[in-house]
Amino acid sequence: MYRLIPGLALTLTLVLSLARAVVAEGSALVTLNTGDDSRGWEAVGRLDIDGRGFCTGALIREDLVLTAAHCLFDKHTGQRFDPERIEFLAGWRNGRASAYRQVRRAVVPETYRYDADVTPDRVRDDVALLELYQPIRNTSVVPFNLSVQPRRNDQIAVVSYAHDRAEAPSLQEICSVITRQEGVLIMSCDVDFGSSGAPVFSLSGGEPRIVSVVSAKAEVEGENVSLGTDLGQISHLMADLDAGGGSNLAPAPRTNRITVGGAAARSGIGAKFVRPGN
């Protein structure tokens, strides 16, 4: 999670007056501490990374997690983490998860460069897919659909973990798209370290659909904004996985913590884009 985005400074300055007006309209963060609070959001989970930190991710297929690409890299060395050291804790809340899964493979856009300057191109490509060793088949953990990117002034929501709220997710149900420039969403949503990879939702039609992924936060003249990625890369990343790409691991470990409900397998569920109103 990046605090200042030099490559976007001019863009952010140009929309700063809009930001001041929109940020004030955003709702406060609500911690999802109970089962009732978190119902419907269980497919958002914490990604524990090599024992060094965490990001937020969201299930978009029974075996696929969507997050930010930069979560897969060691910020000190710039090296990519071994996916075997990444675990997805679906619906993690107060010491328990609805399901625990290790990551088998991870793919990022070919154009993504972790060590590049933080520019609109880098933020736009800051998205990753993580394939799990075993699908999550649990009636309480339902993968989210994807939708087209929202437009300026559209209301959105973010569910995320962060450094000061690592044990339960928080929901900001109403924040807004300040503007969309060069494929990057500039948003009024409240994010912090650990929120990287958090899903950004459209709530139109009564069904939460993921429209972006949190990449960074920026601060311009004292005003906080958050930056979201473009999901146009998802089809390419899925094709890469289908072709055998990504960081591959050895065979699955013999022991794997699983705490799932006794639901029957739901075959054929795949990540898909849904246009608002459909």
Protein backbone atom coordinates (compact mmCIF):
# COMPACT_ATOMS: atom_id res chain seq x y z
CA MET A 1 0.00 0.00 0.00
CA TYR A 2 1.59 3.23 -1.16
CA ARG A 3 0.98 6.50 0.64
CA LEU A 4 2.09 9.01 -1.98
CA ILE A 5 1.80 8.46 -5.71
CA PRO A 6 4.27 10.85 -7.39
CA GLY A 7 3.31 9.78 -10.90
CA LEU A 8 -0.29 10.67 -10.22
CA ALA A 9 0.33 13.96 -8.44
CA LEU A 10 -0.83 16.12 -11.34
CA THR A 11 -3.95 14.03 -11.88
CA LEU A 12 -4.83 14.12 -8.22
CA THR A 13 -4.22 17.85 -7.99
CA LEU A 14 -6.63 18.39 -10.86
CA VAL A 15 -9.41 16.52 -9.02
CA LEU A 16 -8.60 17.76 -5.54
CA SER A 17 -11.54 20.15 -5.38
CA LEU A 18 -13.84 17.26 -6.25
CA ALA A 19 -12.19 15.09 -3.60
CA ARG A 20 -12.85 17.60 -0.85
CA ALA A 21 -16.54 17.61 -1.69
CA VAL A 22 -16.90 13.85 -2.10
CA VAL A 23 -14.86 12.64 0.90
CA ALA A 24 -17.21 14.44 3.26
CA GLU A 25 -20.10 12.37 1.90
CA GLY A 26 -18.50 8.99 2.64
CA SER A 27 -19.88 6.77 5.40
CA ALA A 28 -17.81 5.71 8.39
CA LEU A 29 -16.11 2.32 8.60
CA VAL A 30 -18.21 -0.39 10.26
CA THR A 31 -16.36 -3.37 11.75
CA LEU A 32 -17.99 -6.68 10.84
CA ASN A 33 -17.49 -8.33 14.23
CA THR A 34 -20.40 -10.74 14.35
CA GLY A 35 -21.84 -13.41 12.12
CA ASP A 36 -24.86 -11.24 11.41
CA ASP A 37 -22.66 -8.26 10.53
CA SER A 38 -20.50 -10.26 8.13
CA ARG A 39 -23.25 -12.26 6.44
CA GLY A 40 -22.87 -11.95 2.67
CA TRP A 41 -19.26 -10.76 2.93
CA GLU A 42 -17.63 -14.10 3.88
CA ALA A 43 -15.94 -14.42 0.47
CA VAL A 44 -13.75 -11.46 1.42
CA GLY A 45 -10.74 -12.75 3.32
CA ARG A 46 -7.31 -11.99 4.66
CA LEU A 47 -4.25 -13.09 2.70
CA ASP A 48 -1.47 -13.99 5.13
CA ILE A 49 1.82 -13.60 3.27
CA ASP A 50 4.94 -15.47 4.32
CA GLY A 51 4.43 -14.51 7.95
CA ARG A 52 5.49 -10.95 7.11
CA GLY A 53 2.24 -9.18 6.54
CA PHE A 54 -1.17 -9.44 4.95
CA CYS A 55 -3.40 -8.07 2.23
CA THR A 56 -7.10 -8.39 1.49
CA GLY A 57 -8.51 -10.66 -1.21
CA ALA A 58 -11.90 -11.79 -2.50
CA LEU A 59 -13.12 -15.09 -3.89
CA ILE A 60 -14.43 -14.73 -7.45
CA ARG A 61 -14.60 -18.45 -8.21
CA GLU A 62 -14.49 -21.44 -5.91
CA ASP A 63 -10.75 -21.72 -6.51
CA LEU A 64 -9.75 -18.15 -7.48
CA VAL A 65 -8.93 -15.14 -5.30
CA LEU A 66 -8.64 -11.60 -6.65
CA THR A 67 -6.13 -9.23 -5.05
CA ALA A 68 -3.45 -6.64 -5.88
CA ALA A 69 -0.28 -7.69 -7.71
CA HIS A 70 2.06 -5.79 -5.40
CA CYS A 71 0.94 -8.00 -2.49
CA LEU A 72 2.95 -10.83 -4.06
CA PHE A 73 6.29 -9.01 -3.78
CA ASP A 74 8.65 -8.43 -0.86
CA LYS A 75 8.83 -4.66 -0.42
CA HIS A 76 12.41 -4.91 0.92
CA THR A 77 13.95 -7.11 -1.79
CA GLY A 78 11.51 -6.69 -4.66
CA GLN A 79 11.46 -10.47 -5.03
CA ARG A 80 8.24 -12.36 -5.60
CA PHE A 81 6.97 -14.44 -2.68
CA ASP A 82 6.65 -18.18 -3.10
CA PRO A 83 2.87 -18.73 -3.41
CA GLU A 84 3.21 -21.68 -1.05
CA ARG A 85 3.81 -19.11 1.68
CA ILE A 86 0.47 -17.40 1.04
CA GLU A 87 -2.76 -18.52 2.74
CA PHE A 88 -6.28 -17.25 2.10
CA LEU A 89 -8.45 -16.99 5.22
CA ALA A 90 -11.99 -16.62 3.90
CA GLY A 91 -14.20 -14.56 6.18
CA TRP A 92 -11.45 -14.23 8.82
CA ARG A 93 -13.02 -12.81 11.98
CA ASN A 94 -11.74 -12.80 15.55
CA GLY A 95 -9.37 -15.74 15.22
CA ARG A 96 -11.44 -17.98 12.95
CA ALA A 97 -12.07 -18.28 9.23
CA SER A 98 -14.88 -19.91 7.27
CA ALA A 99 -12.21 -21.68 5.19
CA TYR A 100 -8.41 -21.89 5.09
CA ARG A 101 -6.68 -22.48 1.76
CA GLN A 102 -3.11 -22.38 0.54
CA VAL A 103 -2.33 -20.77 -2.79
CA ARG A 104 -1.15 -23.03 -5.62
CA ARG A 105 -0.39 -20.55 -8.38
CA ALA A 106 -0.42 -16.79 -8.86
CA VAL A 107 -0.54 -14.71 -12.04
CA VAL A 108 -0.06 -10.99 -12.62
CA PRO A 109 -0.27 -9.01 -15.88
CA GLU A 110 2.76 -9.37 -18.14
CA THR A 111 3.03 -5.59 -18.17
CA TYR A 112 3.14 -5.25 -14.37
CA ARG A 113 6.52 -4.19 -12.97
CA TYR A 114 6.85 -4.07 -9.20
CA ASP A 115 10.02 -1.95 -9.28
CA ALA A 116 8.65 0.57 -11.77
CA ASP A 117 7.73 4.13 -10.86
CA VAL A 118 4.22 4.39 -9.46
CA THR A 119 2.34 5.73 -12.46
CA PRO A 120 -1.20 5.28 -13.78
CA ASP A 121 0.07 2.35 -15.88
CA ARG A 122 1.43 0.60 -12.79
CA VAL A 123 -1.71 1.16 -10.73
CA ARG A 124 -3.93 0.03 -13.60
CA ASP A 125 -1.98 -3.27 -13.85
CA ASP A 126 -1.83 -3.84 -10.08
CA VAL A 127 -4.11 -6.88 -10.05
CA ALA A 128 -3.48 -10.59 -9.50
CA LEU A 129 -5.32 -13.90 -9.49
CA LEU A 130 -4.44 -16.60 -6.98
CA GLU A 131 -5.42 -20.19 -7.69
CA LEU A 132 -6.15 -22.21 -4.56
CA TYR A 133 -5.05 -25.80 -4.03
CA GLN A 134 -8.62 -26.79 -3.22
CA PRO A 135 -11.85 -25.00 -4.10
CA ILE A 136 -13.96 -23.53 -1.33
CA ARG A 137 -17.36 -25.18 -1.43
CA ASN A 138 -19.30 -23.70 1.42
CA THR A 139 -22.81 -22.29 1.33
CA SER A 140 -21.72 -19.33 3.46
CA VAL A 141 -18.75 -18.43 1.23
CA VAL A 142 -20.24 -17.49 -2.12
CA PRO A 143 -17.88 -16.10 -4.81
CA PHE A 144 -18.61 -12.58 -6.00
CA ASN A 145 -19.44 -11.64 -9.56
CA LEU A 146 -17.50 -8.94 -11.39
CA SER A 147 -18.99 -5.89 -13.05
CA VAL A 148 -17.93 -3.07 -15.33
CA GLN A 149 -16.03 -0.13 -13.87
CA PRO A 150 -18.23 2.52 -12.28
CA ARG A 151 -18.47 6.07 -13.52
CA ARG A 152 -17.69 9.36 -11.84
CA ASN A 153 -19.87 10.06 -8.79
CA ASP A 154 -21.14 6.46 -8.61
CA GLN A 155 -21.49 5.17 -5.06
CA ILE A 156 -19.32 2.19 -4.15
CA ALA A 157 -18.33 0.15 -1.09
CA VAL A 158 -15.11 -1.44 0.16
CA VAL A 159 -14.62 -4.38 2.52
CA SER A 160 -11.07 -4.63 3.83
CA TYR A 161 -8.66 -5.55 6.59
CA ALA A 162 -5.96 -3.09 7.68
CA HIS A 163 -3.01 -2.86 10.06
CA ASP A 164 -5.16 -1.54 12.91
CA ARG A 165 -8.14 -3.81 12.18
CA ALA A 166 -6.49 -7.06 11.19
CA GLU A 167 -8.79 -9.40 13.12
CA ALA A 168 -12.08 -8.51 11.43
CA PRO A 169 -13.03 -6.88 8.15
CA SER A 170 -14.50 -3.41 7.98
CA LEU A 171 -17.13 -2.15 5.58
CA GLN A 172 -17.39 1.34 4.19
CA GLU A 173 -20.78 1.04 2.58
CA ILE A 174 -20.91 4.44 0.95
CA CYS A 175 -17.98 6.13 -0.72
CA SER A 176 -17.72 7.51 -4.23
CA VAL A 177 -15.78 7.51 -7.46
CA ILE A 178 -14.20 10.94 -7.68
CA THR A 179 -13.08 10.39 -11.24
CA ARG A 180 -11.75 7.75 -13.59
CA GLN A 181 -8.63 8.61 -15.55
CA GLU A 182 -6.37 6.41 -17.69
CA GLY A 183 -8.07 3.28 -16.37
CA VAL A 184 -7.47 4.23 -12.72
CA LEU A 185 -10.31 4.85 -10.31
CA ILE A 186 -9.73 7.72 -7.88
CA MET A 187 -12.04 7.14 -4.93
CA SER A 188 -13.06 8.72 -1.64
CA CYS A 189 -12.95 5.34 0.17
CA ASP A 190 -11.08 5.04 3.48
CA VAL A 191 -8.17 2.57 3.09
CA ASP A 192 -4.97 1.86 4.98
CA PHE A 193 -2.03 -0.54 5.04
CA GLY A 194 -3.41 -4.08 4.70
CA SER A 195 -6.28 -2.85 2.53
CA SER A 196 -4.24 -3.58 -0.60
CA GLY A 197 -6.17 -5.95 -2.82
CA ALA A 198 -9.50 -5.19 -1.15
CA PRO A 199 -12.53 -5.52 -3.42
CA VAL A 200 -14.39 -2.39 -4.46
CA PHE A 201 -18.09 -3.11 -4.87
CA SER A 202 -20.99 -1.67 -6.77
CA LEU A 203 -24.20 -2.24 -4.80
CA SER A 204 -26.62 -1.29 -7.56
CA GLY A 205 -29.32 -3.85 -8.12
CA GLY A 206 -29.05 -5.11 -4.54
CA GLU A 207 -26.16 -7.50 -5.27
CA PRO A 208 -22.54 -6.61 -4.44
CA ARG A 209 -20.39 -6.91 -7.56
CA ILE A 210 -16.67 -6.26 -7.68
CA VAL A 211 -15.75 -3.36 -9.95
CA SER A 212 -12.15 -2.71 -8.90
CA VAL A 213 -9.35 -3.65 -6.49
CA VAL A 214 -7.70 -1.25 -4.04
CA SER A 215 -4.13 -0.57 -5.16
CA ALA A 216 -2.98 2.40 -3.11
CA LYS A 217 -3.81 5.39 -1.04
CA ALA A 218 -2.54 8.86 -1.82
CA GLU A 219 -2.40 12.11 0.05
CA VAL A 220 -2.47 15.41 -1.78
CA GLU A 221 -2.47 18.68 0.15
CA GLY A 222 -3.80 16.89 3.21
CA GLU A 223 -6.67 15.15 1.41
CA ASN A 224 -6.78 11.34 1.37
CA VAL A 225 -7.88 9.46 -1.71
CA SER A 226 -7.66 5.81 -2.72
CA LEU A 227 -6.74 4.35 -6.09
CA GLY A 228 -8.34 1.35 -7.77
CA THR A 229 -7.17 -0.92 -10.56
CA ASP A 230 -8.73 -1.78 -13.91
CA LEU A 231 -10.30 -5.27 -14.08
CA GLY A 232 -9.86 -5.45 -17.84
CA GLN A 233 -6.88 -7.74 -17.26
CA ILE A 234 -8.92 -10.51 -15.63
CA SER A 235 -9.72 -12.41 -18.82
CA HIS A 236 -6.03 -12.39 -19.78
CA LEU A 237 -5.01 -13.64 -16.33
CA MET A 238 -7.56 -16.47 -16.51
CA ALA A 239 -6.25 -17.43 -19.94
CA ASP A 240 -2.73 -17.45 -18.51
CA LEU A 241 -3.81 -19.85 -15.76
CA ASP A 242 -5.63 -22.06 -18.26
CA ALA A 243 -2.43 -22.21 -20.32
CA GLY A 244 -0.45 -23.40 -17.30
CA GLY A 245 1.14 -20.06 -16.47
CA GLY A 246 1.87 -18.53 -13.10
CA SER A 247 4.13 -19.41 -10.22
CA ASN A 248 3.73 -23.17 -9.80
CA LEU A 249 4.22 -25.16 -6.64
CA ALA A 250 5.03 -28.72 -5.66
CA PRO A 251 2.09 -31.09 -5.05
CA ALA A 252 -0.35 -29.99 -2.40
CA PRO A 253 0.72 -30.60 1.20
CA ARG A 254 -0.77 -33.63 2.95
CA THR A 255 -2.22 -31.48 5.71
CA ASN A 256 -4.30 -28.42 5.06
CA ARG A 257 -6.53 -26.66 7.55
CA ILE A 258 -10.11 -26.64 6.33
CA THR A 259 -13.15 -25.49 8.27
CA VAL A 260 -16.00 -25.52 5.79
CA GLY A 261 -19.67 -26.25 5.93
CA GLY A 262 -21.12 -29.50 4.64
CA ALA A 263 -22.40 -28.06 1.40
CA ALA A 264 -22.69 -30.08 -1.76
CA ALA A 265 -20.26 -29.19 -4.51
CA ARG A 266 -21.45 -26.37 -6.73
CA SER A 267 -19.88 -27.11 -10.08
CA GLY A 268 -19.62 -24.69 -12.95
CA ILE A 269 -19.37 -21.51 -10.90
CA GLY A 270 -16.95 -19.13 -12.61
CA ALA A 271 -15.97 -15.53 -12.27
CA LYS A 272 -17.99 -13.44 -14.65
CA PHE A 273 -18.71 -9.84 -15.42
CA VAL A 274 -22.26 -8.68 -14.84
CA ARG A 275 -23.49 -5.37 -16.12
CA PRO A 276 -25.42 -3.27 -13.59
CA GLY A 277 -29.14 -3.88 -13.82
CA ASN A 278 -28.77 -7.42 -15.20
